[in-house]
Protein backbone atom coordinates (compact mmCIF):
# COMPACT_ATOMS: atom_id res chain seq x y z
CA MET A 1 -0.16 0.02 -0.11
CA GLY A 2 1.36 3.19 -0.84
CA ASN A 3 1.66 6.83 1.21
CA LEU A 4 -1.73 7.99 1.50
CA HIS A 5 -1.02 11.36 0.79
CA GLN A 6 0.64 10.47 -2.68
CA ASN A 7 -2.57 8.46 -3.24
CA ARG A 8 -4.54 11.77 -2.52
CA THR A 9 -5.99 12.70 -6.14
CA ALA A 10 -6.60 17.01 -6.24
CA ALA A 11 -10.55 15.99 -5.83
CA ASP A 12 -10.14 14.41 -1.96
CA CYS A 13 -7.90 17.15 -1.63
CA GLN A 14 -10.41 20.05 -2.33
CA SER A 15 -13.36 17.44 -0.85
CA ALA A 16 -11.49 17.65 2.40
CA ILE A 17 -10.71 21.18 2.41
CA ARG A 18 -14.49 22.00 1.79
CA GLN A 19 -15.29 19.49 4.60
CA ILE A 20 -13.08 21.57 7.08
CA ALA A 21 -13.97 24.54 6.00
CA ASN A 22 -17.92 23.82 6.71
CA LEU A 23 -17.27 22.47 9.87
CA ARG A 24 -15.46 25.98 10.78
CA TYR A 25 -18.35 28.01 9.35
CA ALA A 26 -21.02 25.82 11.24
CA PHE A 27 -19.18 27.14 14.45
CA GLY A 28 -19.30 30.93 12.77
CA CYS A 29 -15.13 31.00 11.93
CA LYS A 30 -14.87 32.90 9.31
CA SER A 31 -11.53 32.15 7.85
CA ALA A 32 -8.81 29.67 8.11
CA HIS A 33 -7.41 31.56 10.86
CA ARG A 34 -9.56 33.31 12.70
CA CYS A 35 -12.86 31.63 14.79
CA ASN A 36 -15.12 33.20 16.28
CA TYR A 37 -16.93 30.35 17.45
CA GLY A 38 -17.50 31.39 21.88
CA ARG A 39 -18.23 34.72 20.69
CA GLY A 40 -21.92 34.70 19.77
CA SER A 41 -21.45 35.95 15.70
CA TYR A 42 -23.01 32.70 14.28
CA PRO A 43 -24.20 30.36 15.71
CA ALA A 44 -26.06 32.54 18.37
CA ARG A 45 -25.44 31.51 21.57
CA MET A 46 -28.27 29.98 23.17
CA ASN A 47 -29.62 28.56 26.68
CA LYS A 48 -30.23 25.01 27.26
CA ARG A 49 -33.43 25.01 26.39
CA GLU A 50 -33.01 26.37 22.66
CA LYS A 51 -30.00 24.12 22.48
CA ALA A 52 -32.29 20.82 22.90
CA ALA A 53 -35.38 22.05 21.03
CA ARG A 54 -32.74 23.09 18.11
CA PRO A 55 -33.04 20.80 14.39
CA ALA A 56 -29.83 19.07 13.87
CA ALA A 57 -27.58 20.98 11.50
CA ASP A 58 -28.56 20.40 7.92
CA TRP A 59 -24.69 20.01 6.40
CA GLU A 60 -25.38 19.74 2.49
CA LEU A 61 -27.54 23.48 3.40
CA LYS A 62 -24.47 24.93 4.55
CA ARG A 63 -22.20 23.63 2.00
CA GLN A 64 -24.73 25.07 -0.52
CA ILE A 65 -25.30 28.18 0.76
CA GLN A 66 -21.41 28.57 1.56
CA GLU A 67 -20.73 27.77 -2.11
CA LEU A 68 -23.75 30.44 -3.59
CA ILE A 69 -21.90 32.95 -1.56
CA ALA A 70 -18.32 32.30 -2.83
CA SER A 71 -19.97 32.30 -6.22
CA LYS A 72 -20.85 36.19 -5.95
CA GLY A 73 -17.34 36.30 -4.82
CA GLY A 74 -17.66 36.88 -1.30
CA GLY A 75 -17.59 39.88 0.62
CA TYR A 76 -18.69 41.08 4.11
CA ASN A 77 -19.75 39.45 7.01
CA GLU A 78 -20.34 36.35 5.13
CA ASN A 79 -21.23 34.07 8.51
CA GLU A 80 -23.91 36.79 9.07
CA VAL A 81 -25.39 36.90 5.64
CA ALA A 82 -25.19 32.85 5.65
CA ASP A 83 -27.72 32.97 8.42
CA ILE A 84 -30.02 35.07 7.09
CA LEU A 85 -30.26 33.14 3.96
CA GLU A 86 -30.62 30.15 6.04
CA ASN A 87 -33.33 31.66 7.99
CA ALA A 88 -35.43 32.41 5.04
CA LEU A 89 -35.21 29.00 3.61
CA LYS A 90 -36.97 28.54 6.35
CA LEU A 91 -39.95 30.61 5.57
CA LEU A 92 -40.63 27.73 2.94
CA THR A 93 -42.08 25.92 6.06
CA ASP A 94 -42.48 28.14 8.92
CA VAL A 95 -44.93 30.61 7.56
CA LYS A 96 -47.80 30.05 5.24
CA ASP A 97 -49.33 33.35 4.70
CA THR A 98 -47.93 35.59 2.11
CA GLY A 99 -49.02 38.97 4.06
CA ASP A 100 -46.35 37.96 6.65
CA VAL A 101 -43.92 37.14 4.33
CA ARG A 102 -43.77 40.39 2.67
CA VAL A 103 -43.18 42.42 6.00
CA ILE A 104 -39.89 40.25 6.20
CA GLN A 105 -39.25 40.42 2.56
CA THR A 106 -39.90 44.29 2.02
CA ALA A 107 -38.32 45.41 5.72
CA LEU A 108 -34.98 43.61 4.28
CA ARG A 109 -35.13 45.50 1.33
CA GLU A 110 -35.46 49.27 3.23
CA LEU A 111 -32.22 48.20 5.83
CA ARG A 112 -30.16 46.81 3.53
CA TYR A 113 -30.58 49.95 0.87
CA SER A 114 -30.60 52.28 4.35
CA PHE A 115 -27.43 50.87 5.47
CA ARG A 116 -25.68 50.95 1.89
CA LEU A 117 -26.86 55.26 1.63
CA PHE A 118 -25.63 55.99 5.26
CA ALA A 119 -22.24 54.17 5.17
CA PRO A 120 -20.43 57.08 2.95
CA TYR A 121 -21.35 59.08 5.94
CA ALA A 122 -20.37 57.25 9.02
CA ARG A 123 -17.77 59.44 10.21
CA ILE A 124 -20.10 62.65 9.96
CA ARG A 125 -22.36 62.94 13.12
CA LYS A 126 -26.04 63.46 12.54
CA VAL A 127 -28.73 65.24 14.59
CA THR A 128 -32.51 64.00 13.53
CA ILE A 129 -35.25 66.61 13.45
CA PHE A 130 -39.16 65.69 14.50
CA GLY A 131 -41.87 68.39 14.32
CA SER A 132 -45.40 68.93 13.00
CA ALA A 133 -45.73 68.40 9.42
CA ARG A 134 -48.63 71.39 9.93
CA THR A 135 -46.23 73.98 10.84
CA LYS A 136 -46.14 76.78 8.50
CA PRO A 137 -43.36 78.81 7.24
CA GLY A 138 -44.79 82.13 8.78
CA LYS A 139 -44.45 80.34 12.51
CA LEU A 140 -42.35 81.11 14.88
CA GLU A 141 -41.05 77.26 15.42
CA TYR A 142 -40.76 76.95 11.33
CA GLN A 143 -38.15 79.90 11.73
CA GLN A 144 -36.57 78.55 14.68
CA ALA A 145 -35.87 75.17 12.90
CA VAL A 146 -34.12 77.03 9.87
CA GLU A 147 -32.11 78.17 12.35
CA PHE A 148 -31.34 75.71 13.69
CA GLY A 149 -30.84 73.36 10.87
CA ARG A 150 -28.00 76.63 9.25
CA LYS A 151 -26.28 76.58 13.49
CA ILE A 152 -25.88 72.15 13.78
CA VAL A 153 -24.27 72.09 10.35
CA LYS A 154 -21.95 74.89 10.97
CA ALA A 155 -21.04 73.13 14.09
CA GLY A 156 -20.18 69.88 11.83
CA PHE A 157 -23.34 67.77 11.99
CA MET A 158 -25.92 66.99 9.33
CA VAL A 159 -29.44 66.97 9.52
CA ILE A 160 -32.02 63.66 8.95
CA THR A 161 -35.76 64.44 8.71
CA GLY A 162 -38.90 62.69 8.18
CA ALA A 163 -38.48 64.40 4.27
CA GLY A 164 -42.37 66.13 4.57
CA PRO A 165 -43.93 69.54 5.23
CA GLY A 166 -43.52 71.58 7.96
CA ILE A 167 -40.69 71.65 10.55
CA MET A 168 -39.33 69.03 8.34
CA GLN A 169 -38.82 70.89 5.72
CA ALA A 170 -37.37 73.59 7.45
CA GLY A 171 -34.98 71.61 9.24
CA HIS A 172 -33.86 70.82 5.84
CA GLU A 173 -34.40 74.58 4.55
CA GLY A 174 -31.74 75.32 6.71
CA ALA A 175 -29.29 72.31 6.33
CA GLY A 176 -29.04 72.32 2.72
CA PRO A 177 -29.56 69.34 0.91
CA GLU A 178 -26.13 68.72 0.46
CA ASN A 179 -25.97 68.27 4.41
CA SER A 180 -29.66 66.72 4.78
CA PHE A 181 -31.35 63.01 4.52
CA GLY A 182 -34.74 62.44 4.44
CA MET A 183 -36.50 59.70 5.75
CA ASN A 184 -39.69 59.98 3.89
CA ILE A 185 -43.14 57.33 4.61
CA ARG A 186 -46.07 55.87 2.33
CA LEU A 187 -48.98 57.28 3.53
CA PRO A 188 -52.80 56.93 1.72
CA TRP A 189 -52.75 60.52 1.77
CA GLU A 190 -49.78 62.26 2.27
CA GLN A 191 -46.51 62.57 2.58
CA GLY A 192 -44.55 63.55 -0.43
CA ALA A 193 -41.41 64.33 0.04
CA ASN A 194 -40.54 68.35 0.59
CA PRO A 195 -38.98 70.00 -2.19
CA VAL A 196 -35.47 70.61 -0.66
CA ILE A 197 -34.90 67.05 -0.38
CA ALA A 198 -36.80 65.89 -3.44
CA GLU A 199 -34.59 65.42 -5.87
CA ASP A 200 -31.76 64.48 -3.86
CA LYS A 201 -29.85 60.82 -3.14
CA LYS A 202 -29.95 61.06 0.43
CA LEU A 203 -34.00 60.62 0.49
CA ILE A 204 -35.31 56.91 1.05
CA THR A 205 -38.98 56.24 1.19
CA PHE A 206 -40.05 53.29 3.10
CA LYS A 207 -43.32 51.42 3.66
CA TYR A 208 -42.52 50.70 7.38
CA PHE A 209 -43.01 52.77 10.08
CA PHE A 210 -40.84 50.34 11.82
CA THR A 211 -38.17 49.43 9.45
CA ARG A 212 -38.27 53.78 9.38
CA LYS A 213 -37.30 54.78 12.95
CA LEU A 214 -34.80 52.13 13.20
CA ILE A 215 -32.98 54.72 10.88
CA PHE A 216 -33.38 57.14 12.43
CA ILE A 217 -32.68 55.85 15.85
CA ARG A 218 -29.42 54.23 14.66
CA HIS A 219 -28.03 56.77 12.67
CA SER A 220 -28.90 59.56 14.95
CA ASP A 221 -26.35 61.38 17.46
CA ALA A 222 -28.82 63.62 19.00
CA ILE A 223 -32.60 64.28 18.71
CA VAL A 224 -34.59 67.78 18.49
CA LEU A 225 -38.41 67.83 19.05
CA PHE A 226 -40.29 70.39 18.17
CA PRO A 227 -43.61 70.68 18.82
CA GLY A 228 -45.60 68.35 16.63
CA GLY A 229 -48.64 65.89 17.13
CA PHE A 230 -48.91 62.35 17.80
CA GLY A 231 -46.00 61.18 15.82
CA THR A 232 -43.43 63.53 16.94
CA LEU A 233 -44.45 62.18 20.80
CA ASP A 234 -44.32 58.74 19.39
CA GLU A 235 -40.69 59.58 18.14
CA GLY A 236 -40.01 61.50 21.13
CA TYR A 237 -41.00 58.28 24.05
CA GLU A 238 -39.36 55.81 22.01
CA ALA A 239 -36.27 57.42 22.01
CA LEU A 240 -36.29 58.19 25.33
CA THR A 241 -37.50 54.21 26.19
CA LEU A 242 -34.84 52.93 23.86
CA MET A 243 -32.13 54.84 25.89
CA GLN A 244 -33.83 54.42 29.19
CA THR A 245 -33.65 50.37 28.79
CA GLY A 246 -29.68 50.69 26.91
CA LYS A 247 -31.23 49.32 23.38
CA SER A 248 -29.73 52.86 21.84
CA GLN A 249 -26.82 55.01 22.25
CA LEU A 250 -27.26 57.30 25.01
CA MET A 251 -27.56 61.21 23.00
CA PRO A 252 -29.01 64.42 23.45
CA LEU A 253 -32.60 64.75 23.49
CA VAL A 254 -33.55 68.34 22.97
CA LEU A 255 -37.34 69.44 23.27
CA MET A 256 -37.34 72.81 21.10
CA ASP A 257 -40.23 75.52 22.82
CA ARG A 258 -40.96 78.82 21.23
CA PRO A 259 -39.46 81.58 23.82
CA GLY A 260 -42.29 81.50 26.43
CA GLY A 261 -43.37 78.53 24.83
CA THR A 262 -45.33 76.00 27.28
CA TYR A 263 -45.42 73.03 24.96
CA TRP A 264 -42.80 71.43 26.51
CA LYS A 265 -42.56 72.69 29.70
CA MET A 266 -46.46 71.14 29.98
CA TRP A 267 -45.49 67.85 28.69
CA ASP A 268 -42.07 68.11 31.10
CA ARG A 269 -44.76 68.92 34.01
CA ASN A 270 -47.09 65.95 32.80
CA VAL A 271 -43.74 63.59 33.55
CA ARG A 272 -42.92 64.61 36.98
CA GLU A 273 -46.50 65.23 38.66
CA HIS A 274 -47.39 61.77 37.42
CA LEU A 275 -45.01 59.61 36.14
CA LEU A 276 -42.46 60.29 38.70
CA HIS A 277 -45.08 61.10 41.54
CA ASP A 278 -46.41 58.10 41.06
CA LYS A 279 -42.73 56.29 41.15
CA LEU A 280 -43.43 54.47 37.33
CA ILE A 281 -40.24 56.38 36.62
CA SER A 282 -37.06 57.34 38.34
CA ALA A 283 -35.78 60.44 39.09
CA GLU A 284 -32.43 59.92 37.00
CA ASP A 285 -34.54 59.50 34.02
CA LEU A 286 -35.34 63.24 33.78
CA ASN A 287 -31.70 63.40 33.22
CA LEU A 288 -32.30 61.64 29.22
CA TYR A 289 -33.86 64.97 28.45
CA GLN A 290 -33.72 68.51 28.35
CA ILE A 291 -35.74 71.76 27.40
CA ALA A 292 -34.44 75.01 25.70
CA ASP A 293 -36.14 77.90 23.98
CA SER A 294 -33.80 78.75 21.27
CA ALA A 295 -31.67 77.31 18.53
CA GLU A 296 -28.02 78.33 19.80
CA ALA A 297 -28.98 76.47 23.42
CA ALA A 298 -30.08 73.66 21.54
CA VAL A 299 -27.01 73.31 19.63
CA LYS A 300 -24.93 73.98 22.47
CA ILE A 301 -26.48 71.14 24.36
CA ILE A 302 -26.02 68.90 21.87
CA THR A 303 -22.40 69.60 21.04
CA HIS A 304 -21.20 70.09 25.15
CA PHE A 305 -22.14 66.31 25.39
CA TYR A 306 -19.19 65.70 22.77
CA ARG A 307 -16.72 68.01 23.66
CA ASN A 308 -15.42 64.61 25.53
CA PHE A 309 -17.00 62.24 25.25
CA HIS A 310 -17.19 60.18 22.17
CA SER A 311 -18.61 57.05 21.95
CA SER A 312 -19.46 53.23 24.51
CA ARG A 313 -19.82 49.92 23.88
CA PHE A 314 -20.16 47.00 25.81
CA VAL A 315 -17.22 44.17 25.75
CA LYS A 316 -17.96 41.22 27.29
CA ASP A 317 -18.89 42.65 31.21
CA LEU A 318 -17.12 46.05 30.58
CA LEU A 319 -18.79 49.41 29.32
CA VAL A 320 -15.99 50.80 27.59
CA ILE A 321 -16.23 55.20 27.29
CA ARG A 322 -14.32 56.39 24.55
CA LEU A 323 -12.98 60.08 25.41
CA LYS A 324 -10.86 62.77 23.94
CA THR A 325 -9.16 63.47 26.75
CA ALA A 326 -8.29 60.84 29.60
CA PRO A 327 -9.37 62.03 32.94
CA PRO A 328 -6.51 62.34 35.65
CA ALA A 329 -6.27 59.56 38.47
CA ALA A 330 -7.73 61.65 41.04
CA THR A 331 -11.17 62.27 38.97
CA ILE A 332 -11.25 58.43 38.66
CA ALA A 333 -11.35 58.34 41.98
CA ALA A 334 -14.04 60.72 42.43
CA LEU A 335 -16.05 59.22 39.42
CA ASN A 336 -15.69 55.55 41.82
CA ARG A 337 -17.16 57.23 44.89
CA ASP A 338 -20.15 59.11 43.20
CA PHE A 339 -21.03 56.76 40.89
CA ALA A 340 -20.52 53.28 43.12
CA ASP A 341 -24.53 52.94 42.53
CA ILE A 342 -24.31 51.83 38.85
CA ILE A 343 -20.69 50.02 39.22
CA ASN A 344 -20.93 46.31 39.44
CA GLY A 345 -17.70 45.01 39.76
CA THR A 346 -14.98 46.16 37.73
CA PRO A 347 -14.46 49.71 39.45
CA ILE A 348 -14.00 52.34 36.80
CA LYS A 349 -10.05 52.23 35.48
CA PRO A 350 -8.22 53.94 32.57
CA ILE A 351 -7.30 51.01 29.81
CA LYS A 352 -5.83 50.89 26.31
CA PRO A 353 -8.57 49.40 23.12
CA THR A 354 -9.47 45.92 24.20
CA PRO A 355 -8.64 42.81 21.65
CA GLU A 356 -12.17 43.21 20.41
CA GLU A 357 -11.49 46.93 19.40
CA MET A 358 -8.46 46.04 17.94
CA GLU A 359 -9.98 43.67 15.71
CA ASP A 360 -12.65 46.03 14.83
CA LYS A 361 -10.10 49.48 14.77
CA ASP A 362 -12.22 50.89 16.64
CA ASN A 363 -11.58 54.46 17.81
CA LEU A 364 -7.64 53.06 18.55
CA ASP A 365 -6.71 56.66 18.90
CA LEU A 366 -8.92 57.76 21.71
CA ALA A 367 -8.12 57.04 25.57
CA ARG A 368 -10.38 54.64 27.43
CA ILE A 369 -12.50 54.24 30.56
CA ALA A 370 -14.14 51.23 31.48
CA PHE A 371 -16.01 49.66 34.24
CA GLY A 372 -18.91 47.20 35.16
CA PHE A 373 -21.97 49.14 34.61
CA ASN A 374 -24.94 47.20 36.11
CA ARG A 375 -26.70 47.92 32.76
CA ARG A 376 -29.72 49.39 34.59
CA ASP A 377 -29.58 53.42 35.35
CA TYR A 378 -28.83 55.01 32.43
CA GLY A 379 -29.73 58.30 33.81
CA ARG A 380 -26.66 57.89 36.10
CA LEU A 381 -24.66 57.17 33.11
CA ARG A 382 -26.06 59.83 31.56
CA GLN A 383 -24.78 61.68 34.83
CA LEU A 384 -21.35 60.32 34.28
CA ILE A 385 -21.00 61.41 31.20
CA ASP A 386 -22.14 64.59 31.68
CA GLU A 387 -18.53 64.56 34.80
CA LEU A 388 -16.80 63.91 32.16
CA ASN A 389 -17.48 66.63 29.22
CA GLY A 390 -16.81 68.57 32.20
CA LEU A 391 -12.73 67.70 32.05
């Protein structure tokens, strides 16, 4: 019998390589040199009950999906795309109603297109402006929105609105189409995009509110709400809820009133006299929004939030906060004392970029602090960020 390796044909070798690749793919490994197994990338981490209920892996399907991706030349996030394809095929047996499948179909199209459109502008901070579509150009609030759009662009931001008339059009007029995004929504009676953004490539028209809302929040670094109706209040409450529960990044949320106006003051009074008084929210949750009555004040609130704070992310059990200027040792000690109630485990300390951040090339030039955050008191975390911005 000859040497086993000498007797292997080229086809045998290629088959063996595919089998190894299939196994690596099944455990979420992106290449022959790097494996994400254990990090929850693909497949996602599951609890014991989910593991017991999980059907046996269809290795032939995984191989075919892998070959399909290879036939398209590969690309970004191959493991995650493979998971999407595998789950899409399960719709053939899991979901009978055509309307339900069309929801998934349309949502995927809208999200893919939106992420593609925003990608070239990822390094530019953006402010979303909400407010009534019924506000006329002669109203003071309209003029405030124009002024705010102009001033926030001068501060280095771009503007996102719902692309309709009223406050949305005013924000675009101030920012100019070159610094604007329009997130339009198809409605039976309205709304066509306003003339400022109507012919711009940065206009998206959504079928579903939920995909539109996701894009608003995901690509916003601040939110400004002018007086408006149910839609404005809905967007405001959703942004507050997402920040309060840690489902979105903390960001400035400014409630813009006219000088001497009472729209947001009365709203704030209701929150304090009912939600806070009845212990339906915590006092610290009030830190998640601020009221302003001029474009200058709103711009100041937003720019101050990013004076030193840059961004944050969770890395395992640590909350990593990226800063432009590292706090001195005395400040670190004071923060550990003053914010002990939100520290769970590791105290606040300066760190170097984590291996996960190094792998993602995630703002490696910035200073960092990290600690074990209890993942509950986000109003207090906002206070901590305000302290860091005071350095």
